[in-house]
Amino acid sequence: MRYQPQFVYVHHWRQYDLVMWDNRQMMHRVRRFDESEIRDMRRTTVAGDAPTVAQVEAA
């Protein structure tokens, strides 16, 4: 699958940054990183399967 550069977001990390995304609406992939740096990744799941606002508007 090809991507469109205008929809690509690359985060340049700074101390105390927090990045969140919705797996239902986004393609994502990992990039290489310095394994000597601490990474703290946590997953949250929101209950329900209701459509998002964009999905409702598109219907």
C-alpha atoms as a PDB file:
ATOM      1  CA  MET A   1       0.000   0.000   0.000  1.00  0.00           C
ATOM      2  CA  ARG A   2       1.346   3.409  -0.928  1.00  0.00           C
ATOM      3  CA  TYR A   3       1.128   6.404   1.317  1.00  0.00           C
ATOM      4  CA  GLN A   4       0.463  10.040   0.482  1.00  0.00           C
ATOM      5  CA  PRO A   5       3.162  12.344   1.884  1.00  0.00           C
ATOM      6  CA  GLN A   6       0.656  15.073   2.789  1.00  0.00           C
ATOM      7  CA  PHE A   7      -0.869  12.662   5.332  1.00  0.00           C
ATOM      8  CA  VAL A   8       2.390  11.536   6.950  1.00  0.00           C
ATOM      9  CA  TYR A   9       3.215  12.748  10.443  1.00  0.00           C
ATOM     10  CA  VAL A  10       6.707  12.292  11.888  1.00  0.00           C
ATOM     11  CA  HIS A  11       7.165  13.232  15.514  1.00  0.00           C
ATOM     12  CA  HIS A  12      10.434  14.762  16.675  1.00  0.00           C
ATOM     13  CA  TRP A  13      10.548  13.743  20.317  1.00  0.00           C
ATOM     14  CA  ARG A  14      11.240  16.087  23.200  1.00  0.00           C
ATOM     15  CA  GLN A  15      11.172  15.340  26.917  1.00  0.00           C
ATOM     16  CA  TYR A  16       7.618  14.929  28.308  1.00  0.00           C
ATOM     17  CA  ASP A  17       6.001  14.464  24.887  1.00  0.00           C
ATOM     18  CA  LEU A  18       2.889  12.332  24.668  1.00  0.00           C
ATOM     19  CA  VAL A  19       1.577  11.071  21.346  1.00  0.00           C
ATOM     20  CA  MET A  20      -1.806   9.394  20.950  1.00  0.00           C
ATOM     21  CA  TRP A  21      -3.527   7.930  17.910  1.00  0.00           C
ATOM     22  CA  ASP A  22      -6.641   5.985  17.026  1.00  0.00           C
ATOM     23  CA  ASN A  23      -5.738   2.625  15.492  1.00  0.00           C
ATOM     24  CA  ARG A  24      -9.178   2.461  13.867  1.00  0.00           C
ATOM     25  CA  GLN A  25      -8.432   5.552  11.786  1.00  0.00           C
ATOM     26  CA  MET A  26      -4.724   5.479  11.179  1.00  0.00           C
ATOM     27  CA  MET A  27      -2.023   3.481   9.497  1.00  0.00           C
ATOM     28  CA  HIS A  28       1.164   3.515  11.528  1.00  0.00           C
ATOM     29  CA  ARG A  29       4.549   1.880  11.593  1.00  0.00           C
ATOM     30  CA  VAL A  30       7.623   1.915  13.741  1.00  0.00           C
ATOM     31  CA  ARG A  31      10.805   3.630  12.678  1.00  0.00           C
ATOM     32  CA  ARG A  32      14.308   2.839  13.867  1.00  0.00           C
ATOM     33  CA  PHE A  33      15.189   4.356  17.200  1.00  0.00           C
ATOM     34  CA  ASP A  34      18.100   4.525  19.607  1.00  0.00           C
ATOM     35  CA  GLU A  35      17.629   1.453  21.806  1.00  0.00           C
ATOM     36  CA  SER A  36      19.687   3.057  24.564  1.00  0.00           C
ATOM     37  CA  GLU A  37      16.872   5.602  25.041  1.00  0.00           C
ATOM     38  CA  ILE A  38      13.988   4.794  27.385  1.00  0.00           C
ATOM     39  CA  ARG A  39      10.641   4.123  25.675  1.00  0.00           C
ATOM     40  CA  ASP A  40       7.429   3.901  27.647  1.00  0.00           C
ATOM     41  CA  MET A  41       4.504   2.751  25.524  1.00  0.00           C
ATOM     42  CA  ARG A  42       1.072   2.067  26.971  1.00  0.00           C
ATOM     43  CA  ARG A  43      -2.100   0.916  25.304  1.00  0.00           C
ATOM     44  CA  THR A  44      -5.618   2.051  26.137  1.00  0.00           C
ATOM     45  CA  THR A  45      -8.775   0.569  24.680  1.00  0.00           C
ATOM     46  CA  VAL A  46     -12.018   2.506  24.772  1.00  0.00           C
ATOM     47  CA  ALA A  47     -15.117   0.349  25.080  1.00  0.00           C
ATOM     48  CA  GLY A  48     -17.652   0.382  22.301  1.00  0.00           C
ATOM     49  CA  ASP A  49     -17.754   0.137  18.556  1.00  0.00           C
ATOM     50  CA  ALA A  50     -19.713   3.263  17.709  1.00  0.00           C
ATOM     51  CA  PRO A  51     -18.638   4.995  14.498  1.00  0.00           C
ATOM     52  CA  THR A  52     -16.443   8.061  14.618  1.00  0.00           C
ATOM     53  CA  VAL A  53     -17.768  11.502  13.657  1.00  0.00           C
ATOM     54  CA  ALA A  54     -16.117  11.274  10.240  1.00  0.00           C
ATOM     55  CA  GLN A  55     -17.739   7.888   9.577  1.00  0.00           C
ATOM     56  CA  VAL A  56     -21.177   9.251  10.494  1.00  0.00           C
ATOM     57  CA  GLU A  57     -20.726  12.273   8.219  1.00  0.00           C
ATOM     58  CA  ALA A  58     -19.560  10.094   5.318  1.00  0.00           C
ATOM     59  CA  ALA A  59     -22.585   7.770   5.562  1.00  0.00           C
END
